[in-house]
C-alpha atoms as a PDB file:
ATOM      1  CA  UNK A   1     106.175  81.580  95.830  1.00  0.00           C
ATOM      2  CA  UNK A   2     104.231  78.332  94.981  1.00  0.00           C
ATOM      3  CA  UNK A   3     100.394  77.857  96.176  1.00  0.00           C
ATOM      4  CA  UNK A   4     101.228  75.103  98.706  1.00  0.00           C
ATOM      5  CA  UNK A   5      99.797  76.567 101.823  1.00  0.00           C
ATOM      6  CA  UNK A   6      96.407  74.791 101.726  1.00  0.00           C
ATOM      7  CA  UNK A   7      98.174  71.543 100.975  1.00  0.00           C
ATOM      8  CA  UNK A   8      99.890  71.907 104.565  1.00  0.00           C
ATOM      9  CA  UNK A   9      97.213  73.052 107.239  1.00  0.00           C
ATOM     10  CA  UNK A  10      99.564  72.029 109.921  1.00  0.00           C
ATOM     11  CA  UNK A  11     102.696  74.015 108.828  1.00  0.00           C
ATOM     12  CA  UNK A  12     104.311  75.389 111.951  1.00  0.00           C
ATOM     13  CA  UNK A  13     107.244  77.274 110.743  1.00  0.00           C
ATOM     14  CA  UNK A  14     107.397  79.261 107.309  1.00  0.00           C
ATOM     15  CA  UNK A  15     110.889  80.785 107.315  1.00  0.00           C
ATOM     16  CA  UNK A  16     112.224  82.451 103.662  1.00  0.00           C
ATOM     17  CA  UNK A  17     114.474  85.176 105.414  1.00  0.00           C
ATOM     18  CA  UNK A  18     117.442  86.525 103.552  1.00  0.00           C
ATOM     19  CA  UNK A  19     116.591  85.564  99.883  1.00  0.00           C
ATOM     20  CA  UNK A  20     115.869  87.705  96.915  1.00  0.00           C
ATOM     21  CA  UNK A  21     112.005  86.632  96.820  1.00  0.00           C
ATOM     22  CA  UNK A  22     109.939  89.044  94.905  1.00  0.00           C
ATOM     23  CA  UNK A  23     106.047  89.626  95.086  1.00  0.00           C
ATOM     24  CA  UNK A  24     103.989  89.679  97.732  1.00  0.00           C
ATOM     25  CA  UNK A  25     103.801  86.755 100.227  1.00  0.00           C
ATOM     26  CA  UNK A  26     100.663  87.824 101.714  1.00  0.00           C
ATOM     27  CA  UNK A  27      98.566  87.168  98.448  1.00  0.00           C
ATOM     28  CA  UNK A  28      98.493  83.291  99.187  1.00  0.00           C
ATOM     29  CA  UNK A  29      97.129  84.174 102.514  1.00  0.00           C
ATOM     30  CA  UNK A  30      94.544  86.551 101.200  1.00  0.00           C
ATOM     31  CA  UNK A  31      92.901  84.592  98.423  1.00  0.00           C
ATOM     32  CA  UNK A  32      93.090  81.123 100.578  1.00  0.00           C
ATOM     33  CA  UNK A  33      89.709  79.632 100.638  1.00  0.00           C
ATOM     34  CA  UNK A  34      87.897  80.161 103.886  1.00  0.00           C
ATOM     35  CA  UNK A  35      87.369  76.348 105.036  1.00  0.00           C
ATOM     36  CA  UNK A  36      85.978  77.461 108.878  1.00  0.00           C
ATOM     37  CA  UNK A  37      82.765  79.019 109.529  1.00  0.00           C
ATOM     38  CA  UNK A  38      84.881  81.582 112.244  1.00  0.00           C
ATOM     39  CA  UNK A  39      86.274  83.700 109.278  1.00  0.00           C
ATOM     40  CA  UNK A  40      89.342  81.855 108.649  1.00  0.00           C
ATOM     41  CA  UNK A  41      92.275  80.481 110.554  1.00  0.00           C
ATOM     42  CA  UNK A  42      93.066  77.805 108.034  1.00  0.00           C
ATOM     43  CA  UNK A  43      96.705  77.741 109.310  1.00  0.00           C
ATOM     44  CA  UNK A  44      95.899  77.295 112.708  1.00  0.00           C
ATOM     45  CA  UNK A  45      99.292  75.449 113.865  1.00  0.00           C
ATOM     46  CA  UNK A  46     101.739  78.521 112.381  1.00  0.00           C
ATOM     47  CA  UNK A  47     103.777  79.869 114.940  1.00  0.00           C
ATOM     48  CA  UNK A  48     106.562  81.482 112.787  1.00  0.00           C
ATOM     49  CA  UNK A  49     105.982  83.733 109.590  1.00  0.00           C
ATOM     50  CA  UNK A  50     109.414  85.123 108.843  1.00  0.00           C
ATOM     51  CA  UNK A  51     109.764  86.874 105.522  1.00  0.00           C
ATOM     52  CA  UNK A  52     112.331  89.555 106.398  1.00  0.00           C
ATOM     53  CA  UNK A  53     115.066  90.913 104.111  1.00  0.00           C
ATOM     54  CA  UNK A  54     113.742  89.859 100.681  1.00  0.00           C
ATOM     55  CA  UNK A  55     112.367  92.035  97.734  1.00  0.00           C
ATOM     56  CA  UNK A  56     108.648  91.667  98.792  1.00  0.00           C
ATOM     57  CA  UNK A  57     106.256  94.519  97.700  1.00  0.00           C
ATOM     58  CA  UNK A  58     102.565  95.317  98.049  1.00  0.00           C
ATOM     59  CA  UNK A  59     100.330  95.692 100.994  1.00  0.00           C
ATOM     60  CA  UNK A  60      99.245  93.389 104.157  1.00  0.00           C
ATOM     61  CA  UNK A  61      95.609  92.608 103.088  1.00  0.00           C
ATOM     62  CA  UNK A  62      93.098  92.084 106.178  1.00  0.00           C
ATOM     63  CA  UNK A  63      92.665  88.639 105.221  1.00  0.00           C
ATOM     64  CA  UNK A  64      95.972  87.701 105.589  1.00  0.00           C
ATOM     65  CA  UNK A  65      96.056  88.837 108.950  1.00  0.00           C
ATOM     66  CA  UNK A  66      92.934  86.843 110.169  1.00  0.00           C
ATOM     67  CA  UNK A  67      95.044  83.819 108.480  1.00  0.00           C
ATOM     68  CA  UNK A  68      97.848  84.217 110.565  1.00  0.00           C
ATOM     69  CA  UNK A  69      95.717  84.664 113.967  1.00  0.00           C
ATOM     70  CA  UNK A  70      97.930  82.260 115.791  1.00  0.00           C
ATOM     71  CA  UNK A  71     101.185  83.248 114.682  1.00  0.00           C
ATOM     72  CA  UNK A  72     103.843  84.200 117.678  1.00  0.00           C
ATOM     73  CA  UNK A  73     106.249  85.750 115.611  1.00  0.00           C
ATOM     74  CA  UNK A  74     105.770  87.721 112.290  1.00  0.00           C
ATOM     75  CA  UNK A  75     108.911  89.245 110.877  1.00  0.00           C
ATOM     76  CA  UNK A  76     108.482  91.572 107.552  1.00  0.00           C
ATOM     77  CA  UNK A  77     111.641  93.799 107.714  1.00  0.00           C
ATOM     78  CA  UNK A  78     113.822  94.641 105.047  1.00  0.00           C
ATOM     79  CA  UNK A  79     111.380  94.639 102.313  1.00  0.00           C
ATOM     80  CA  UNK A  80     109.439  97.165 100.097  1.00  0.00           C
ATOM     81  CA  UNK A  81     106.067  96.757 101.543  1.00  0.00           C
ATOM     82  CA  UNK A  82     103.524  99.762 101.546  1.00  0.00           C
ATOM     83  CA  UNK A  83     100.499 100.911 103.107  1.00  0.00           C
ATOM     84  CA  UNK A  84      98.922 100.887 106.364  1.00  0.00           C
ATOM     85  CA  UNK A  85      98.745  97.598 108.640  1.00  0.00           C
ATOM     86  CA  UNK A  86      95.270  96.445 108.574  1.00  0.00           C
ATOM     87  CA  UNK A  87      93.220  96.773 111.814  1.00  0.00           C
ATOM     88  CA  UNK A  88      92.479  92.995 111.552  1.00  0.00           C
ATOM     89  CA  UNK A  89      96.235  92.731 113.003  1.00  0.00           C
ATOM     90  CA  UNK A  90      94.039  92.678 116.217  1.00  0.00           C
ATOM     91  CA  UNK A  91      93.506  89.009 115.313  1.00  0.00           C
ATOM     92  CA  UNK A  92      97.006  88.296 116.119  1.00  0.00           C
ATOM     93  CA  UNK A  93      96.576  87.896 120.032  1.00  0.00           C
ATOM     94  CA  UNK A  94      99.064  85.295 120.495  1.00  0.00           C
ATOM     95  CA  UNK A  95     101.755  87.421 118.780  1.00  0.00           C
ATOM     96  CA  UNK A  96     104.909  87.749 121.125  1.00  0.00           C
ATOM     97  CA  UNK A  97     107.735  89.320 118.971  1.00  0.00           C
ATOM     98  CA  UNK A  98     106.990  91.320 115.646  1.00  0.00           C
ATOM     99  CA  UNK A  99     109.468  93.015 113.569  1.00  0.00           C
ATOM    100  CA  UNK A 100     107.719  95.487 111.045  1.00  0.00           C
ATOM    101  CA  UNK A 101     109.113  98.255 108.848  1.00  0.00           C
ATOM    102  CA  UNK A 102     106.630  99.453 106.031  1.00  0.00           C
ATOM    103  CA  UNK A 103     107.237 102.283 103.545  1.00  0.00           C
ATOM    104  CA  UNK A 104     104.523 104.527 103.752  1.00  0.00           C
END
């Protein structure tokens, strides 16, 4: 995935489902510069983060959960993610729908 998130701070929907994409989509969020004093939330307008049914691997880093704090829907099933969900998932207080299926 290209490093474009920091160029689109008002991105509302990120939907890349049902492709054959590889890597870890959370890496970009985990390494984004923290531009706010409150510990993240650079993507404050992002409501949909849909990455299901690709060939993604890796884990869900805590910093990525903080960047997705305003997200209403988080879909990540049908990939090969590993590891536990970060405790920072509690920052997703507006989350209405989510679909997780992680390999332990």
